[in-house]
Amino acid sequence: MAAGSLLTPGVANADWSSAINAIGKGINGYYKILNGLEKLKADKMSKTYDKDFRYVEKVNAAIGKDKAEKLSLLTEAIKIDPKRYEAYYRRSFAQLWGSKEAIADLDKAIQLKPNDAEIYYMRGLHYRMANDNAAALKDYKAALKIDPKYMNAYKALKNDSFLNTLLYIALQIFLIVFISPYFPK
């Protein structure tokens, strides 16, 4: 009778033990890889958490500060995480209303969060302050397209329409009184 084990005729016990050892080494290697991946994931999560914490810390620290300090803190927050819209949005409030910088910040906020009616509305207000009424109206309408119940945009549209009507009437009166040859001077 040939050498073999009780489990499998013809296969030596040494072969079984080497196979079991190989499987054990494979399982140990698998666990080492798994543990390494878990460490990488934990490190990445820790770095992400740290980044998030620092970002939120800067954004929240800007609340109640004067404009210069607010601009500085929000600019630092943007450097920490330039892919989040909040700091761009809030920084627009710290800048001069209607300024190119404020509008650029709101452009970036819209790029990062395109379905937020409030950002469009705020950019519309900035455009209004910059006397770009066409762009303001476009943004108010965009805000209403995103959220048809957004009352601030609706009111802004209504107010702009009312103001435009008043300006038109004032212009007509001016033309009649000062330009018209039929009006006695």
Protein backbone atom coordinates (compact mmCIF):
# COMPACT_ATOMS: atom_id res chain seq x y z
CA MET A 1 0.00 0.00 0.00
CA ALA A 2 1.31 3.38 -0.92
CA ALA A 3 1.93 6.08 1.59
CA GLY A 4 -1.14 8.22 2.29
CA SER A 5 -3.27 9.72 4.97
CA LEU A 6 -6.40 8.51 6.52
CA LEU A 7 -8.36 11.31 4.82
CA THR A 8 -7.23 10.85 1.28
CA PRO A 9 -5.60 7.70 0.04
CA GLY A 10 -2.40 8.35 -1.84
CA VAL A 11 -1.80 11.87 -0.38
CA ALA A 12 0.82 12.16 2.31
CA ASN A 13 0.09 13.93 5.60
CA ALA A 14 2.95 16.35 4.85
CA ASP A 15 1.11 17.46 1.70
CA TRP A 16 -2.00 18.23 3.73
CA SER A 17 -0.09 20.19 6.34
CA SER A 18 1.73 22.22 3.67
CA ALA A 19 -1.61 22.94 1.97
CA ILE A 20 -3.14 24.05 5.29
CA ASN A 21 -0.07 26.21 5.99
CA ALA A 22 -0.38 27.82 2.55
CA ILE A 23 -4.06 28.56 3.16
CA GLY A 24 -3.22 30.01 6.57
CA LYS A 25 -0.55 32.24 5.06
CA GLY A 26 -3.02 33.35 2.39
CA ILE A 27 -5.63 34.18 5.03
CA ASN A 28 -3.03 36.05 7.11
CA GLY A 29 -1.98 37.98 4.00
CA TYR A 30 -5.61 38.81 3.28
CA TYR A 31 -6.09 40.13 6.82
CA LYS A 32 -2.90 42.17 6.57
CA ILE A 33 -4.18 43.75 3.36
CA LEU A 34 -7.58 44.31 4.93
CA ASN A 35 -6.01 45.90 8.01
CA GLY A 36 -3.83 48.09 5.77
CA LEU A 37 -6.90 49.23 3.84
CA GLU A 38 -8.72 49.97 7.09
CA LYS A 39 -5.75 52.06 8.26
CA LEU A 40 -5.70 53.99 4.98
CA LYS A 41 -9.45 54.55 5.23
CA ALA A 42 -9.13 55.69 8.85
CA ASP A 43 -6.26 58.05 7.94
CA LYS A 44 -8.25 59.47 5.04
CA MET A 45 -11.33 59.91 7.24
CA SER A 46 -9.21 61.57 9.90
CA LYS A 47 -7.74 63.98 7.35
CA THR A 48 -11.20 64.64 5.89
CA TYR A 49 -12.62 65.23 9.36
CA ASP A 50 -9.73 67.55 10.19
CA LYS A 51 -10.23 69.44 6.93
CA ASP A 52 -14.00 69.68 7.52
CA PHE A 53 -13.45 70.83 11.09
CA ARG A 54 -10.97 73.53 10.08
CA TYR A 55 -13.31 74.69 7.28
CA VAL A 56 -16.38 74.91 9.53
CA GLU A 57 -14.31 76.56 12.23
CA LYS A 58 -13.26 79.36 9.84
CA VAL A 59 -16.77 79.82 8.40
CA ASN A 60 -18.34 79.99 11.86
CA ALA A 61 -15.60 82.24 13.21
CA ALA A 62 -16.53 84.81 10.55
CA ILE A 63 -19.98 85.31 12.08
CA GLY A 64 -20.22 88.66 13.82
CA LYS A 65 -16.79 89.88 12.73
CA ASP A 66 -16.07 93.12 10.92
CA LYS A 67 -15.89 92.97 7.13
CA ALA A 68 -12.11 92.79 6.83
CA GLU A 69 -11.81 89.97 9.35
CA LYS A 70 -14.80 88.18 7.84
CA LEU A 71 -13.21 88.36 4.36
CA SER A 72 -9.94 87.01 5.74
CA LEU A 73 -11.55 84.08 7.60
CA LEU A 74 -13.77 83.10 4.69
CA THR A 75 -10.85 83.31 2.26
CA GLU A 76 -8.95 80.93 4.58
CA ALA A 77 -11.95 78.59 4.60
CA ILE A 78 -12.00 78.61 0.79
CA LYS A 79 -8.29 77.73 0.73
CA ILE A 80 -9.00 74.78 3.06
CA ASP A 81 -11.84 73.44 0.89
CA PRO A 82 -12.53 75.27 -2.38
CA LYS A 83 -15.24 72.77 -3.37
CA ARG A 84 -17.81 73.91 -0.79
CA TYR A 85 -20.18 76.72 -1.63
CA GLU A 86 -20.90 78.14 1.85
CA ALA A 87 -17.75 80.24 2.22
CA TYR A 88 -18.15 81.76 -1.26
CA TYR A 89 -21.78 82.56 -0.50
CA ARG A 90 -21.02 84.11 2.88
CA ARG A 91 -17.99 86.00 1.58
CA SER A 92 -20.26 87.77 -0.93
CA PHE A 93 -22.04 89.40 2.04
CA ALA A 94 -18.76 90.74 3.40
CA GLN A 95 -17.96 92.45 0.12
CA LEU A 96 -19.36 95.63 -1.33
CA TRP A 97 -22.87 95.03 -2.66
CA GLY A 98 -22.85 94.92 -6.42
CA SER A 99 -19.06 94.56 -6.64
CA LYS A 100 -17.45 92.29 -9.21
CA GLU A 101 -15.84 90.31 -6.37
CA ALA A 102 -19.16 89.61 -4.66
CA ILE A 103 -20.78 88.57 -7.94
CA ALA A 104 -17.77 86.33 -8.72
CA ASP A 105 -18.16 84.64 -5.33
CA LEU A 106 -21.85 84.03 -6.02
CA ASP A 107 -20.98 82.72 -9.50
CA LYS A 108 -18.69 80.17 -7.83
CA ALA A 109 -21.35 79.29 -5.23
CA ILE A 110 -23.85 78.67 -8.06
CA GLN A 111 -21.29 76.55 -9.89
CA LEU A 112 -20.87 74.41 -6.76
CA LYS A 113 -24.58 74.31 -5.82
CA PRO A 114 -26.61 75.07 -8.95
CA ASN A 115 -30.03 74.17 -7.52
CA ASP A 116 -30.15 76.70 -4.69
CA ALA A 117 -32.74 79.43 -5.32
CA GLU A 118 -31.36 81.65 -2.56
CA ILE A 119 -27.95 81.97 -4.21
CA TYR A 120 -29.55 83.07 -7.50
CA TYR A 121 -31.73 85.53 -5.60
CA MET A 122 -28.72 87.00 -3.78
CA ARG A 123 -26.76 87.32 -7.01
CA GLY A 124 -29.81 89.06 -8.47
CA LEU A 125 -29.71 91.57 -5.61
CA HIS A 126 -26.01 92.18 -6.26
CA TYR A 127 -26.69 92.68 -9.97
CA ARG A 128 -29.49 95.10 -9.03
CA MET A 129 -27.05 97.09 -6.89
CA ALA A 130 -24.63 97.12 -9.83
CA ASN A 131 -27.46 98.51 -12.04
CA ASP A 132 -27.50 95.41 -14.22
CA ASN A 133 -31.27 94.99 -14.18
CA ALA A 134 -31.38 92.44 -16.99
CA ALA A 135 -29.04 90.09 -15.13
CA ALA A 136 -30.95 90.68 -11.88
CA LEU A 137 -34.26 89.77 -13.51
CA LYS A 138 -32.69 86.69 -15.07
CA ASP A 139 -31.46 85.52 -11.64
CA TYR A 140 -34.80 86.20 -9.94
CA LYS A 141 -36.49 84.11 -12.63
CA ALA A 142 -33.88 81.36 -12.23
CA ALA A 143 -34.58 81.31 -8.48
CA LEU A 144 -38.30 80.95 -9.15
CA LYS A 145 -37.66 78.20 -11.69
CA ILE A 146 -35.81 76.24 -8.98
CA ASP A 147 -38.34 77.04 -6.27
CA PRO A 148 -41.62 78.52 -7.52
CA LYS A 149 -42.65 79.31 -3.93
CA TYR A 150 -39.54 81.37 -3.14
CA MET A 151 -41.24 84.60 -2.10
CA ASN A 152 -38.14 86.82 -1.97
CA ALA A 153 -37.49 86.31 -5.68
CA TYR A 154 -41.16 86.83 -6.47
CA LYS A 155 -41.21 90.09 -4.49
CA ALA A 156 -37.99 91.26 -6.15
CA LEU A 157 -39.49 90.64 -9.58
CA LYS A 158 -42.65 92.47 -8.61
CA ASN A 159 -40.71 95.41 -7.11
CA ASP A 160 -38.48 95.71 -10.16
CA SER A 161 -41.53 95.70 -12.39
CA PHE A 162 -43.15 98.40 -10.23
CA LEU A 163 -39.97 100.52 -10.22
CA ASN A 164 -39.60 100.17 -13.98
CA THR A 165 -43.20 101.33 -14.41
CA LEU A 166 -42.55 104.36 -12.18
CA LEU A 167 -39.40 105.22 -14.12
CA TYR A 168 -41.30 104.94 -17.40
CA ILE A 169 -44.04 107.27 -16.12
CA ALA A 170 -41.46 109.75 -14.80
CA LEU A 171 -39.67 109.71 -18.16
CA GLN A 172 -42.94 110.34 -20.01
CA ILE A 173 -43.77 113.27 -17.74
CA PHE A 174 -40.27 114.70 -18.24
CA LEU A 175 -40.60 114.41 -22.02
CA ILE A 176 -44.01 116.06 -22.02
CA VAL A 177 -43.04 118.90 -19.69
CA PHE A 178 -39.54 119.73 -20.90
CA ILE A 179 -39.25 118.44 -24.45
CA SER A 180 -42.72 118.67 -25.96
CA PRO A 181 -43.19 121.71 -28.22
CA TYR A 182 -46.87 121.77 -27.30
CA PHE A 183 -46.32 122.34 -23.61
CA PRO A 184 -46.00 126.06 -22.78
CA LYS A 185 -42.74 127.08 -21.17
